[in-house]
Amino acid sequence: MTTAGRQANLVLSAKNVTKRFGGLVAVNDISFDIPEGSIVSLIGPNGAGKTTFFNIIAGIYDPTSGRISVHGRTMVARPIRAWLEPFLWVAPAVVVGILSAIVVAAVKDETIGFIGAAITLGALIVMLLSAIARPLWYRRLLHRVGIFRSARPNDVVQAGIGRTFQNIRLFQNMTAEENVLVGMHIKLKATLLDAMFSTPRNQREEAQARVRAEELLQLVGLRGIGGELAKNLPYGDQRRLEVARALGSDPQLLLLDEPTAGMNPNETSDMMTLINKLRTELGLTVLLIEHDMKVVMGISDRVTVLDHGERIAEGTPDEVRQNPKVIEAYLGTPAS
């Protein structure tokens, strides 16, 4: 396969990613590719930089240097010409204000002045709200003037990346179904007005969302518990519910941060089966951080090993298992 062909089949590509926190280098010059349809594991001792790298992919941290592309589109990198963006916020208001002042001076009509001031204020408000929401037209405007803003978590989700967390972060006082519906929200098309007036479009979409939520709960092995509060579910079921919520955004790449942490052997085995099921039935690509080597070696197509923020090994599970650097990182050097 040609280089172009390989690039076309990459869901995510990280190039020379570095993240510093003051004098601490948490991730150091990591390049990392995730092929479509694969299950890739990221492993390493505690403090190796795994979760930091995850958070960069998810848009929580901007990298100090390097970039991350999703389906060939650069999503995460250091901002470019960010200082120029505030000028965009005020430019329409300034133009309207100047034009209003010219018209008022020419016709000597205060009413036009009040109207111009209202339009000026409206233009400023619209631009500031757009800077917060970043609709498509605003992102295109930034691109045209050469400004790059690194993706935020919601931008990453819209691009097709879902995630779970190392520590369960469910909405504990919401039902299982409601948790999944929250995960689906970013993909829903109904507007605020649709919701306020309960339009047929909103009712139809809500009904479809509830059907889909039940399908996702069933997929992860939680049939019939949609009405149960998340906090009342057993630990293993809460882990599964987090996966279902992540699936609600219809991702193409699923990031799983220690999905079997705290599970007993039976629950761990069931989670391994579920991860494989997500690939075979939904066609998902999976990136996971995991400390349980049985899980890593049992389901991964490729394993990347980090230690002190640097990549020390990469390959198939068998290749990584026998790598001396990996053995040293986990077990330490023998005493002399």
C-alpha atoms as a PDB file:
ATOM      1  CA  MET A   1       0.000   0.000   0.000  1.00  0.00           C
ATOM      2  CA  THR A   2       1.247   3.482  -0.835  1.00  0.00           C
ATOM      3  CA  THR A   3       1.923   6.127   1.784  1.00  0.00           C
ATOM      4  CA  ALA A   4      -1.168   8.019   0.637  1.00  0.00           C
ATOM      5  CA  GLY A   5      -3.238   4.867   1.019  1.00  0.00           C
ATOM      6  CA  ARG A   6      -1.967   4.271   4.541  1.00  0.00           C
ATOM      7  CA  GLN A   7      -2.718   7.870   5.481  1.00  0.00           C
ATOM      8  CA  ALA A   8      -6.268   7.530   4.119  1.00  0.00           C
ATOM      9  CA  ASN A   9      -6.882   4.583   6.480  1.00  0.00           C
ATOM     10  CA  LEU A  10      -5.694   6.402   9.589  1.00  0.00           C
ATOM     11  CA  VAL A  11      -8.412   7.500  11.974  1.00  0.00           C
ATOM     12  CA  LEU A  12      -5.941   9.526  14.039  1.00  0.00           C
ATOM     13  CA  SER A  13      -2.350  10.595  13.537  1.00  0.00           C
ATOM     14  CA  ALA A  14      -0.200  12.307  16.171  1.00  0.00           C
ATOM     15  CA  LYS A  15       3.062  13.888  15.042  1.00  0.00           C
ATOM     16  CA  ASN A  16       5.861  14.943  17.421  1.00  0.00           C
ATOM     17  CA  VAL A  17       3.503  15.737  20.282  1.00  0.00           C
ATOM     18  CA  THR A  18       5.115  17.293  23.363  1.00  0.00           C
ATOM     19  CA  LYS A  19       3.418  18.580  26.499  1.00  0.00           C
ATOM     20  CA  ARG A  20       5.231  20.501  29.225  1.00  0.00           C
ATOM     21  CA  PHE A  21       3.848  21.615  32.554  1.00  0.00           C
ATOM     22  CA  GLY A  22       6.387  24.205  33.625  1.00  0.00           C
ATOM     23  CA  GLY A  23       9.673  22.327  33.852  1.00  0.00           C
ATOM     24  CA  LEU A  24       8.017  18.889  33.721  1.00  0.00           C
ATOM     25  CA  VAL A  25       7.896  17.170  30.334  1.00  0.00           C
ATOM     26  CA  ALA A  26       4.872  14.888  30.594  1.00  0.00           C
ATOM     27  CA  VAL A  27       4.856  13.824  26.921  1.00  0.00           C
ATOM     28  CA  ASN A  28       8.001  14.091  24.835  1.00  0.00           C
ATOM     29  CA  ASP A  29       7.961  14.081  21.009  1.00  0.00           C
ATOM     30  CA  ILE A  30       5.425  11.266  20.570  1.00  0.00           C
ATOM     31  CA  SER A  31       4.358  10.226  17.075  1.00  0.00           C
ATOM     32  CA  PHE A  32       1.474   7.794  17.037  1.00  0.00           C
ATOM     33  CA  ASP A  33      -0.958   6.466  14.403  1.00  0.00           C
ATOM     34  CA  ILE A  34      -4.256   4.640  14.847  1.00  0.00           C
ATOM     35  CA  PRO A  35      -5.366   2.650  11.779  1.00  0.00           C
ATOM     36  CA  GLU A  36      -9.064   2.348  11.053  1.00  0.00           C
ATOM     37  CA  GLY A  37     -10.710  -0.722  12.585  1.00  0.00           C
ATOM     38  CA  SER A  38      -7.853  -1.506  14.968  1.00  0.00           C
ATOM     39  CA  ILE A  39      -7.628  -1.966  18.726  1.00  0.00           C
ATOM     40  CA  VAL A  40      -4.529  -0.135  19.957  1.00  0.00           C
ATOM     41  CA  SER A  41      -3.308  -0.116  23.548  1.00  0.00           C
ATOM     42  CA  LEU A  42      -1.232   2.533  25.269  1.00  0.00           C
ATOM     43  CA  ILE A  43       0.605   1.149  28.280  1.00  0.00           C
ATOM     44  CA  GLY A  44       3.350   2.120  30.669  1.00  0.00           C
ATOM     45  CA  PRO A  45       4.135   2.492  34.368  1.00  0.00           C
ATOM     46  CA  ASN A  46       2.341   5.053  36.516  1.00  0.00           C
ATOM     47  CA  GLY A  47       3.450   8.567  35.554  1.00  0.00           C
ATOM     48  CA  ALA A  48       4.458   7.515  32.045  1.00  0.00           C
ATOM     49  CA  GLY A  49       2.290  10.219  30.404  1.00  0.00           C
ATOM     50  CA  LYS A  50      -0.543   7.999  29.148  1.00  0.00           C
ATOM     51  CA  THR A  51      -3.482   9.967  30.522  1.00  0.00           C
ATOM     52  CA  THR A  52      -1.863  13.278  29.559  1.00  0.00           C
ATOM     53  CA  PHE A  53      -1.570  12.038  25.981  1.00  0.00           C
ATOM     54  CA  PHE A  54      -5.204  10.880  26.138  1.00  0.00           C
ATOM     55  CA  ASN A  55      -6.267  14.320  27.328  1.00  0.00           C
ATOM     56  CA  ILE A  56      -4.401  15.984  24.471  1.00  0.00           C
ATOM     57  CA  ILE A  57      -6.248  13.785  21.966  1.00  0.00           C
ATOM     58  CA  ALA A  58      -9.546  14.613  23.687  1.00  0.00           C
ATOM     59  CA  GLY A  59      -8.930  18.365  23.412  1.00  0.00           C
ATOM     60  CA  ILE A  60      -8.547  18.966  27.148  1.00  0.00           C
ATOM     61  CA  TYR A  61      -4.894  20.044  26.842  1.00  0.00           C
ATOM     62  CA  ASP A  62      -3.237  21.946  24.019  1.00  0.00           C
ATOM     63  CA  PRO A  63       0.149  20.415  23.168  1.00  0.00           C
ATOM     64  CA  THR A  64       3.282  22.470  23.707  1.00  0.00           C
ATOM     65  CA  SER A  65       4.338  21.381  20.224  1.00  0.00           C
ATOM     66  CA  GLY A  66       3.257  18.880  17.584  1.00  0.00           C
ATOM     67  CA  ARG A  67      -0.185  18.211  16.153  1.00  0.00           C
ATOM     68  CA  ILE A  68      -2.962  15.644  16.081  1.00  0.00           C
ATOM     69  CA  SER A  69      -5.016  15.004  12.949  1.00  0.00           C
ATOM     70  CA  VAL A  70      -8.346  13.202  12.721  1.00  0.00           C
ATOM     71  CA  HIS A  71      -9.083  11.740   9.279  1.00  0.00           C
ATOM     72  CA  GLY A  72      -6.366  13.982   7.847  1.00  0.00           C
ATOM     73  CA  ARG A  73      -7.708  17.205   9.408  1.00  0.00           C
ATOM     74  CA  THR A  74      -5.496  18.906  11.993  1.00  0.00           C
ATOM     75  CA  MET A  75      -7.596  19.171  15.157  1.00  0.00           C
ATOM     76  CA  VAL A  76      -5.180  19.693  18.049  1.00  0.00           C
ATOM     77  CA  ALA A  77      -2.052  21.853  17.947  1.00  0.00           C
ATOM     78  CA  ARG A  78      -0.673  25.064  19.373  1.00  0.00           C
ATOM     79  CA  PRO A  79      -2.839  28.059  18.423  1.00  0.00           C
ATOM     80  CA  ILE A  80      -1.681  30.140  15.447  1.00  0.00           C
ATOM     81  CA  ARG A  81      -2.234  33.932  15.363  1.00  0.00           C
ATOM     82  CA  ALA A  82      -4.610  33.660  18.312  1.00  0.00           C
ATOM     83  CA  TRP A  83      -3.829  37.284  19.171  1.00  0.00           C
ATOM     84  CA  LEU A  84      -5.683  38.299  16.009  1.00  0.00           C
ATOM     85  CA  GLU A  85      -9.019  36.756  17.008  1.00  0.00           C
ATOM     86  CA  PRO A  86     -10.198  39.553  19.386  1.00  0.00           C
ATOM     87  CA  PHE A  87      -9.997  41.977  16.450  1.00  0.00           C
ATOM     88  CA  LEU A  88     -12.573  39.801  14.645  1.00  0.00           C
ATOM     89  CA  TRP A  89     -14.912  40.081  17.611  1.00  0.00           C
ATOM     90  CA  VAL A  90     -15.030  43.881  17.507  1.00  0.00           C
ATOM     91  CA  ALA A  91     -14.517  44.506  13.767  1.00  0.00           C
ATOM     92  CA  PRO A  92     -18.223  44.251  12.724  1.00  0.00           C
ATOM     93  CA  ALA A  93     -19.292  46.476  15.622  1.00  0.00           C
ATOM     94  CA  VAL A  94     -16.633  49.057  14.766  1.00  0.00           C
ATOM     95  CA  VAL A  95     -17.675  49.114  11.088  1.00  0.00           C
ATOM     96  CA  VAL A  96     -21.365  49.487  11.959  1.00  0.00           C
ATOM     97  CA  GLY A  97     -20.557  52.154  14.523  1.00  0.00           C
ATOM     98  CA  ILE A  98     -18.502  54.204  12.077  1.00  0.00           C
ATOM     99  CA  LEU A  99     -21.173  53.955   9.372  1.00  0.00           C
ATOM    100  CA  SER A 100     -23.873  54.964  11.865  1.00  0.00           C
ATOM    101  CA  ALA A 101     -21.839  57.965  12.991  1.00  0.00           C
ATOM    102  CA  ILE A 102     -21.356  59.084   9.370  1.00  0.00           C
ATOM    103  CA  VAL A 103     -25.079  58.773   8.632  1.00  0.00           C
ATOM    104  CA  VAL A 104     -26.085  60.612  11.820  1.00  0.00           C
ATOM    105  CA  ALA A 105     -23.650  63.422  11.054  1.00  0.00           C
ATOM    106  CA  ALA A 106     -25.091  63.743   7.549  1.00  0.00           C
ATOM    107  CA  VAL A 107     -28.828  63.684   8.342  1.00  0.00           C
ATOM    108  CA  LYS A 108     -28.788  65.030  11.911  1.00  0.00           C
ATOM    109  CA  ASP A 109     -31.301  62.401  13.019  1.00  0.00           C
ATOM    110  CA  GLU A 110     -30.894  61.021  16.577  1.00  0.00           C
ATOM    111  CA  THR A 111     -33.259  58.121  15.867  1.00  0.00           C
ATOM    112  CA  ILE A 112     -30.804  56.723  13.340  1.00  0.00           C
ATOM    113  CA  GLY A 113     -28.113  57.110  15.974  1.00  0.00           C
ATOM    114  CA  PHE A 114     -30.069  54.975  18.452  1.00  0.00           C
ATOM    115  CA  ILE A 115     -30.735  52.341  15.788  1.00  0.00           C
ATOM    116  CA  GLY A 116     -27.061  52.328  14.829  1.00  0.00           C
ATOM    117  CA  ALA A 117     -26.009  51.938  18.454  1.00  0.00           C
ATOM    118  CA  ALA A 118     -28.404  48.994  18.883  1.00  0.00           C
ATOM    119  CA  ILE A 119     -27.073  47.312  15.741  1.00  0.00           C
ATOM    120  CA  THR A 120     -23.504  47.932  16.889  1.00  0.00           C
ATOM    121  CA  LEU A 121     -24.197  46.323  20.259  1.00  0.00           C
ATOM    122  CA  GLY A 122     -25.999  43.430  18.553  1.00  0.00           C
ATOM    123  CA  ALA A 123     -23.050  42.814  16.230  1.00  0.00           C
ATOM    124  CA  LEU A 124     -20.657  42.717  19.178  1.00  0.00           C
ATOM    125  CA  ILE A 125     -22.885  40.285  21.098  1.00  0.00           C
ATOM    126  CA  VAL A 126     -23.265  38.003  18.072  1.00  0.00           C
ATOM    127  CA  MET A 127     -19.505  37.831  17.539  1.00  0.00           C
ATOM    128  CA  LEU A 128     -18.766  37.158  21.217  1.00  0.00           C
ATOM    129  CA  LEU A 129     -21.379  34.389  21.367  1.00  0.00           C
ATOM    130  CA  SER A 130     -19.989  32.936  18.137  1.00  0.00           C
ATOM    131  CA  ALA A 131     -16.503  32.906  19.647  1.00  0.00           C
ATOM    132  CA  ILE A 132     -17.911  30.791  22.484  1.00  0.00           C
ATOM    133  CA  ALA A 133     -20.062  28.436  20.390  1.00  0.00           C
ATOM    134  CA  ARG A 134     -17.750  28.314  17.348  1.00  0.00           C
ATOM    135  CA  PRO A 135     -20.385  27.530  14.694  1.00  0.00           C
ATOM    136  CA  LEU A 136     -19.220  26.335  11.297  1.00  0.00           C
ATOM    137  CA  TRP A 137     -19.286  29.804   9.687  1.00  0.00           C
ATOM    138  CA  TYR A 138     -17.121  31.179  12.490  1.00  0.00           C
ATOM    139  CA  ARG A 139     -14.563  28.364  12.163  1.00  0.00           C
ATOM    140  CA  ARG A 140     -14.422  29.014   8.416  1.00  0.00           C
ATOM    141  CA  LEU A 141     -13.853  32.703   9.089  1.00  0.00           C
ATOM    142  CA  LEU A 142     -10.936  31.888  11.389  1.00  0.00           C
ATOM    143  CA  HIS A 143      -9.469  29.646   8.694  1.00  0.00           C
ATOM    144  CA  ARG A 144      -9.762  32.344   6.030  1.00  0.00           C
ATOM    145  CA  VAL A 145      -7.838  34.872   8.084  1.00  0.00           C
ATOM    146  CA  GLY A 146      -5.161  32.339   9.048  1.00  0.00           C
ATOM    147  CA  ILE A 147      -6.151  31.781  12.686  1.00  0.00           C
ATOM    148  CA  PHE A 148      -5.970  28.276  14.154  1.00  0.00           C
ATOM    149  CA  ARG A 149      -7.610  27.379  17.435  1.00  0.00           C
ATOM    150  CA  SER A 150      -6.986  23.929  18.878  1.00  0.00           C
ATOM    151  CA  ALA A 151     -10.106  21.779  19.141  1.00  0.00           C
ATOM    152  CA  ARG A 152     -12.067  21.790  22.375  1.00  0.00           C
ATOM    153  CA  PRO A 153     -13.553  18.583  23.830  1.00  0.00           C
ATOM    154  CA  ASN A 154     -16.919  19.189  22.143  1.00  0.00           C
ATOM    155  CA  ASP A 155     -15.160  19.774  18.806  1.00  0.00           C
ATOM    156  CA  VAL A 156     -13.345  16.457  19.219  1.00  0.00           C
ATOM    157  CA  VAL A 157     -16.626  14.670  19.957  1.00  0.00           C
ATOM    158  CA  GLN A 158     -18.217  16.218  16.860  1.00  0.00           C
ATOM    159  CA  ALA A 159     -15.233  14.975  14.839  1.00  0.00           C
ATOM    160  CA  GLY A 160     -16.085  11.407  15.861  1.00  0.00           C
ATOM    161  CA  ILE A 161     -14.099  10.672  19.027  1.00  0.00           C
ATOM    162  CA  GLY A 162     -15.775   9.421  22.205  1.00  0.00           C
ATOM    163  CA  ARG A 163     -14.148   8.593  25.523  1.00  0.00           C
ATOM    164  CA  THR A 164     -14.561   7.112  28.971  1.00  0.00           C
ATOM    165  CA  PHE A 165     -12.620   8.145  32.069  1.00  0.00           C
ATOM    166  CA  GLN A 166     -10.216   6.463  34.452  1.00  0.00           C
ATOM    167  CA  ASN A 167     -12.482   7.427  37.352  1.00  0.00           C
ATOM    168  CA  ILE A 168     -16.172   6.904  36.604  1.00  0.00           C
ATOM    169  CA  ARG A 169     -17.815  10.224  35.733  1.00  0.00           C
ATOM    170  CA  LEU A 170     -21.468   9.360  35.349  1.00  0.00           C
ATOM    171  CA  PHE A 171     -24.298  11.688  36.297  1.00  0.00           C
ATOM    172  CA  GLN A 172     -25.048   9.728  39.445  1.00  0.00           C
ATOM    173  CA  ASN A 173     -28.529  11.142  40.096  1.00  0.00           C
ATOM    174  CA  MET A 174     -29.719  10.611  36.541  1.00  0.00           C
ATOM    175  CA  THR A 175     -31.049   7.351  35.186  1.00  0.00           C
ATOM    176  CA  ALA A 176     -29.025   5.083  32.930  1.00  0.00           C
ATOM    177  CA  GLU A 177     -31.162   6.131  29.965  1.00  0.00           C
ATOM    178  CA  GLU A 178     -30.688   9.827  30.754  1.00  0.00           C
ATOM    179  CA  ASN A 179     -26.907   9.362  30.935  1.00  0.00           C
ATOM    180  CA  VAL A 180     -26.909   7.892  27.439  1.00  0.00           C
ATOM    181  CA  LEU A 181     -29.195  10.670  26.181  1.00  0.00           C
ATOM    182  CA  VAL A 182     -26.671  13.224  27.451  1.00  0.00           C
ATOM    183  CA  GLY A 183     -24.019  11.504  25.343  1.00  0.00           C
ATOM    184  CA  MET A 184     -26.305  11.756  22.303  1.00  0.00           C
ATOM    185  CA  HIS A 185     -27.071  15.455  22.751  1.00  0.00           C
ATOM    186  CA  ILE A 186     -24.284  16.778  20.528  1.00  0.00           C
ATOM    187  CA  LYS A 187     -25.673  14.840  17.548  1.00  0.00           C
ATOM    188  CA  LEU A 188     -29.294  15.960  17.945  1.00  0.00           C
ATOM    189  CA  LYS A 189     -30.653  18.486  15.429  1.00  0.00           C
ATOM    190  CA  ALA A 190     -33.582  20.023  17.320  1.00  0.00           C
ATOM    191  CA  THR A 191     -33.060  23.670  18.256  1.00  0.00           C
ATOM    192  CA  LEU A 192     -33.730  25.532  21.491  1.00  0.00           C
ATOM    193  CA  LEU A 193     -37.009  26.796  20.040  1.00  0.00           C
ATOM    194  CA  ASP A 194     -38.005  23.223  19.143  1.00  0.00           C
ATOM    195  CA  ALA A 195     -37.440  22.222  22.759  1.00  0.00           C
ATOM    196  CA  MET A 196     -39.233  25.275  24.190  1.00  0.00           C
ATOM    197  CA  PHE A 197     -42.360  24.750  22.118  1.00  0.00           C
ATOM    198  CA  SER A 198     -42.186  20.949  21.983  1.00  0.00           C
ATOM    199  CA  THR A 199     -42.472  20.930  18.212  1.00  0.00           C
ATOM    200  CA  PRO A 200     -43.228  17.723  16.292  1.00  0.00           C
ATOM    201  CA  ARG A 201     -39.596  17.689  15.172  1.00  0.00           C
ATOM    202  CA  ASN A 202     -38.430  17.752  18.802  1.00  0.00           C
ATOM    203  CA  GLN A 203     -40.901  15.070  19.879  1.00  0.00           C
ATOM    204  CA  ARG A 204     -39.941  12.824  16.968  1.00  0.00           C
ATOM    205  CA  GLU A 205     -36.205  13.217  17.621  1.00  0.00           C
ATOM    206  CA  GLU A 206     -36.614  12.633  21.365  1.00  0.00           C
ATOM    207  CA  ALA A 207     -38.563   9.437  20.742  1.00  0.00           C
ATOM    208  CA  GLN A 208     -35.897   8.215  18.319  1.00  0.00           C
ATOM    209  CA  ALA A 209     -33.170   9.101  20.827  1.00  0.00           C
ATOM    210  CA  ARG A 210     -34.841   7.057  23.568  1.00  0.00           C
ATOM    211  CA  VAL A 211     -35.098   4.060  21.247  1.00  0.00           C
ATOM    212  CA  ARG A 212     -31.423   4.411  20.360  1.00  0.00           C
ATOM    213  CA  ALA A 213     -30.476   4.779  24.031  1.00  0.00           C
ATOM    214  CA  GLU A 214     -32.195   1.494  24.831  1.00  0.00           C
ATOM    215  CA  GLU A 215     -30.379  -0.165  21.910  1.00  0.00           C
ATOM    216  CA  LEU A 216     -27.019   1.043  23.248  1.00  0.00           C
ATOM    217  CA  LEU A 217     -27.818  -0.131  26.769  1.00  0.00           C
ATOM    218  CA  GLN A 218     -28.722  -3.529  25.358  1.00  0.00           C
ATOM    219  CA  LEU A 219     -25.523  -3.576  23.271  1.00  0.00           C
ATOM    220  CA  VAL A 220     -23.322  -3.135  26.355  1.00  0.00           C
ATOM    221  CA  GLY A 221     -25.265  -5.732  28.347  1.00  0.00           C
ATOM    222  CA  LEU A 222     -27.561  -3.436  30.358  1.00  0.00           C
ATOM    223  CA  ARG A 223     -30.939  -4.460  28.991  1.00  0.00           C
ATOM    224  CA  GLY A 224     -33.900  -3.316  31.066  1.00  0.00           C
ATOM    225  CA  ILE A 225     -32.096  -0.979  33.464  1.00  0.00           C
ATOM    226  CA  GLY A 226     -32.777   2.313  31.660  1.00  0.00           C
ATOM    227  CA  GLY A 227     -34.889   3.623  34.526  1.00  0.00           C
ATOM    228  CA  GLU A 228     -32.332   2.849  37.253  1.00  0.00           C
ATOM    229  CA  LEU A 229     -30.324   5.668  38.798  1.00  0.00           C
ATOM    230  CA  ALA A 230     -26.664   5.444  37.825  1.00  0.00           C
ATOM    231  CA  LYS A 231     -25.539   5.546  41.463  1.00  0.00           C
ATOM    232  CA  ASN A 232     -27.581   2.426  42.248  1.00  0.00           C
ATOM    233  CA  LEU A 233     -25.892   0.271  39.605  1.00  0.00           C
ATOM    234  CA  PRO A 234     -23.120  -2.204  40.492  1.00  0.00           C
ATOM    235  CA  TYR A 235     -19.591  -1.019  39.751  1.00  0.00           C
ATOM    236  CA  GLY A 236     -19.167  -3.159  36.634  1.00  0.00           C
ATOM    237  CA  ASP A 237     -22.494  -1.934  35.228  1.00  0.00           C
ATOM    238  CA  GLN A 238     -21.451   1.676  35.823  1.00  0.00           C
ATOM    239  CA  ARG A 239     -18.361   1.007  33.715  1.00  0.00           C
ATOM    240  CA  ARG A 240     -20.584  -0.384  30.964  1.00  0.00           C
ATOM    241  CA  LEU A 241     -22.911   2.593  31.234  1.00  0.00           C
ATOM    242  CA  GLU A 242     -19.961   4.927  30.664  1.00  0.00           C
ATOM    243  CA  VAL A 243     -19.219   3.034  27.455  1.00  0.00           C
ATOM    244  CA  ALA A 244     -22.868   3.318  26.381  1.00  0.00           C
ATOM    245  CA  ARG A 245     -22.825   7.068  27.032  1.00  0.00           C
ATOM    246  CA  ALA A 246     -19.656   7.438  24.941  1.00  0.00           C
ATOM    247  CA  LEU A 247     -21.333   5.476  22.143  1.00  0.00           C
ATOM    248  CA  GLY A 248     -24.251   7.918  22.232  1.00  0.00           C
ATOM    249  CA  SER A 249     -22.274  10.460  20.197  1.00  0.00           C
ATOM    250  CA  ASP A 250     -21.847   7.852  17.431  1.00  0.00           C
ATOM    251  CA  PRO A 251     -18.026   7.919  17.499  1.00  0.00           C
ATOM    252  CA  GLN A 252     -15.657   6.346  15.003  1.00  0.00           C
ATOM    253  CA  LEU A 253     -12.794   6.237  17.514  1.00  0.00           C
ATOM    254  CA  LEU A 254     -13.432   5.252  21.136  1.00  0.00           C
ATOM    255  CA  LEU A 255     -10.904   6.177  23.830  1.00  0.00           C
ATOM    256  CA  LEU A 256     -11.112   3.873  26.851  1.00  0.00           C
ATOM    257  CA  ASP A 257      -9.139   4.964  29.915  1.00  0.00           C
ATOM    258  CA  GLU A 258      -8.543   1.858  32.058  1.00  0.00           C
ATOM    259  CA  PRO A 259     -11.940   0.297  31.271  1.00  0.00           C
ATOM    260  CA  THR A 260     -11.356  -2.743  33.537  1.00  0.00           C
ATOM    261  CA  ALA A 261      -9.957  -0.867  36.550  1.00  0.00           C
ATOM    262  CA  GLY A 262     -11.450  -2.242  39.766  1.00  0.00           C
ATOM    263  CA  MET A 263     -13.223  -5.119  38.039  1.00  0.00           C
ATOM    264  CA  ASN A 264     -13.171  -8.735  39.136  1.00  0.00           C
ATOM    265  CA  PRO A 265     -11.951 -11.408  36.671  1.00  0.00           C
ATOM    266  CA  ASN A 266     -15.448 -12.184  35.357  1.00  0.00           C
ATOM    267  CA  GLU A 267     -16.256  -8.521  34.784  1.00  0.00           C
ATOM    268  CA  THR A 268     -12.876  -8.044  33.091  1.00  0.00           C
ATOM    269  CA  SER A 269     -13.555 -10.940  30.735  1.00  0.00           C
ATOM    270  CA  ASP A 270     -16.979  -9.514  29.892  1.00  0.00           C
ATOM    271  CA  MET A 271     -15.447  -6.100  29.162  1.00  0.00           C
ATOM    272  CA  MET A 272     -12.906  -7.675  26.813  1.00  0.00           C
ATOM    273  CA  THR A 273     -15.752  -9.375  24.976  1.00  0.00           C
ATOM    274  CA  LEU A 274     -17.614  -6.072  24.764  1.00  0.00           C
ATOM    275  CA  ILE A 275     -14.606  -4.204  23.337  1.00  0.00           C
ATOM    276  CA  ASN A 276     -14.199  -6.822  20.621  1.00  0.00           C
ATOM    277  CA  LYS A 277     -17.946  -6.635  19.977  1.00  0.00           C
ATOM    278  CA  LEU A 278     -17.762  -2.887  19.454  1.00  0.00           C
ATOM    279  CA  ARG A 279     -15.248  -3.418  16.689  1.00  0.00           C
ATOM    280  CA  THR A 280     -16.986  -6.323  14.987  1.00  0.00           C
ATOM    281  CA  GLU A 281     -20.586  -5.052  15.227  1.00  0.00           C
ATOM    282  CA  LEU A 282     -20.150  -1.260  15.100  1.00  0.00           C
ATOM    283  CA  GLY A 283     -16.886  -1.084  13.163  1.00  0.00           C
ATOM    284  CA  LEU A 284     -15.304   1.085  15.858  1.00  0.00           C
ATOM    285  CA  THR A 285     -11.615   1.810  16.227  1.00  0.00           C
ATOM    286  CA  VAL A 286     -10.462   1.599  19.853  1.00  0.00           C
ATOM    287  CA  LEU A 287      -7.576   3.165  21.760  1.00  0.00           C
ATOM    288  CA  LEU A 288      -7.257   2.065  25.358  1.00  0.00           C
ATOM    289  CA  ILE A 289      -5.055   2.702  28.343  1.00  0.00           C
ATOM    290  CA  GLU A 290      -4.895  -0.400  30.482  1.00  0.00           C
ATOM    291  CA  HIS A 291      -2.741  -1.800  33.280  1.00  0.00           C
ATOM    292  CA  ASP A 292      -4.096  -5.344  33.102  1.00  0.00           C
ATOM    293  CA  MET A 293      -1.644  -7.060  30.772  1.00  0.00           C
ATOM    294  CA  LYS A 294      -4.027  -9.963  30.163  1.00  0.00           C
ATOM    295  CA  VAL A 295      -6.475  -7.490  28.667  1.00  0.00           C
ATOM    296  CA  VAL A 296      -3.812  -5.688  26.644  1.00  0.00           C
ATOM    297  CA  MET A 297      -2.256  -8.844  25.242  1.00  0.00           C
ATOM    298  CA  GLY A 298      -5.626 -10.494  24.703  1.00  0.00           C
ATOM    299  CA  ILE A 299      -7.380  -7.918  22.518  1.00  0.00           C
ATOM    300  CA  SER A 300      -4.793  -5.513  21.064  1.00  0.00           C
ATOM    301  CA  ASP A 301      -3.601  -5.442  17.475  1.00  0.00           C
ATOM    302  CA  ARG A 302      -0.778  -3.095  18.413  1.00  0.00           C
ATOM    303  CA  VAL A 303       0.709  -1.887  21.675  1.00  0.00           C
ATOM    304  CA  THR A 304       2.634   1.327  22.301  1.00  0.00           C
ATOM    305  CA  VAL A 305       4.663   1.661  25.504  1.00  0.00           C
ATOM    306  CA  LEU A 306       5.438   4.982  27.189  1.00  0.00           C
ATOM    307  CA  ASP A 307       7.900   5.598  29.987  1.00  0.00           C
ATOM    308  CA  HIS A 308       8.599   9.024  31.484  1.00  0.00           C
ATOM    309  CA  GLY A 309       6.722  10.630  28.599  1.00  0.00           C
ATOM    310  CA  GLU A 310       8.709   8.917  25.855  1.00  0.00           C
ATOM    311  CA  ARG A 311       7.818   6.055  23.541  1.00  0.00           C
ATOM    312  CA  ILE A 312      10.150   3.167  24.298  1.00  0.00           C
ATOM    313  CA  ALA A 313       8.511   0.388  22.286  1.00  0.00           C
ATOM    314  CA  GLU A 314       5.778  -0.296  19.770  1.00  0.00           C
ATOM    315  CA  GLY A 315       4.625  -3.423  17.992  1.00  0.00           C
ATOM    316  CA  THR A 316       2.431  -6.483  18.289  1.00  0.00           C
ATOM    317  CA  PRO A 317       1.651  -7.800  21.777  1.00  0.00           C
ATOM    318  CA  ASP A 318       4.251 -10.570  21.373  1.00  0.00           C
ATOM    319  CA  GLU A 319       6.942  -8.126  20.236  1.00  0.00           C
ATOM    320  CA  VAL A 320       6.255  -5.751  23.116  1.00  0.00           C
ATOM    321  CA  ARG A 321       6.110  -8.546  25.691  1.00  0.00           C
ATOM    322  CA  GLN A 322       9.650  -9.609  24.810  1.00  0.00           C
ATOM    323  CA  ASN A 323      11.156  -6.120  24.486  1.00  0.00           C
ATOM    324  CA  PRO A 324      13.971  -5.618  27.053  1.00  0.00           C
ATOM    325  CA  LYS A 325      13.138  -1.916  27.485  1.00  0.00           C
ATOM    326  CA  VAL A 326       9.551  -2.776  28.392  1.00  0.00           C
ATOM    327  CA  ILE A 327      10.646  -5.412  30.875  1.00  0.00           C
ATOM    328  CA  GLU A 328      13.047  -2.918  32.445  1.00  0.00           C
ATOM    329  CA  ALA A 329      10.392  -0.179  32.640  1.00  0.00           C
ATOM    330  CA  TYR A 330       7.972  -2.448  34.477  1.00  0.00           C
ATOM    331  CA  LEU A 331      10.351  -4.548  36.575  1.00  0.00           C
ATOM    332  CA  GLY A 332      13.392  -2.281  36.902  1.00  0.00           C
ATOM    333  CA  THR A 333      17.019  -3.224  36.362  1.00  0.00           C
ATOM    334  CA  PRO A 334      18.362  -6.104  38.375  1.00  0.00           C
ATOM    335  CA  ALA A 335      20.545  -5.225  41.377  1.00  0.00           C
ATOM    336  CA  SER A 336      24.263  -5.516  40.671  1.00  0.00           C
END
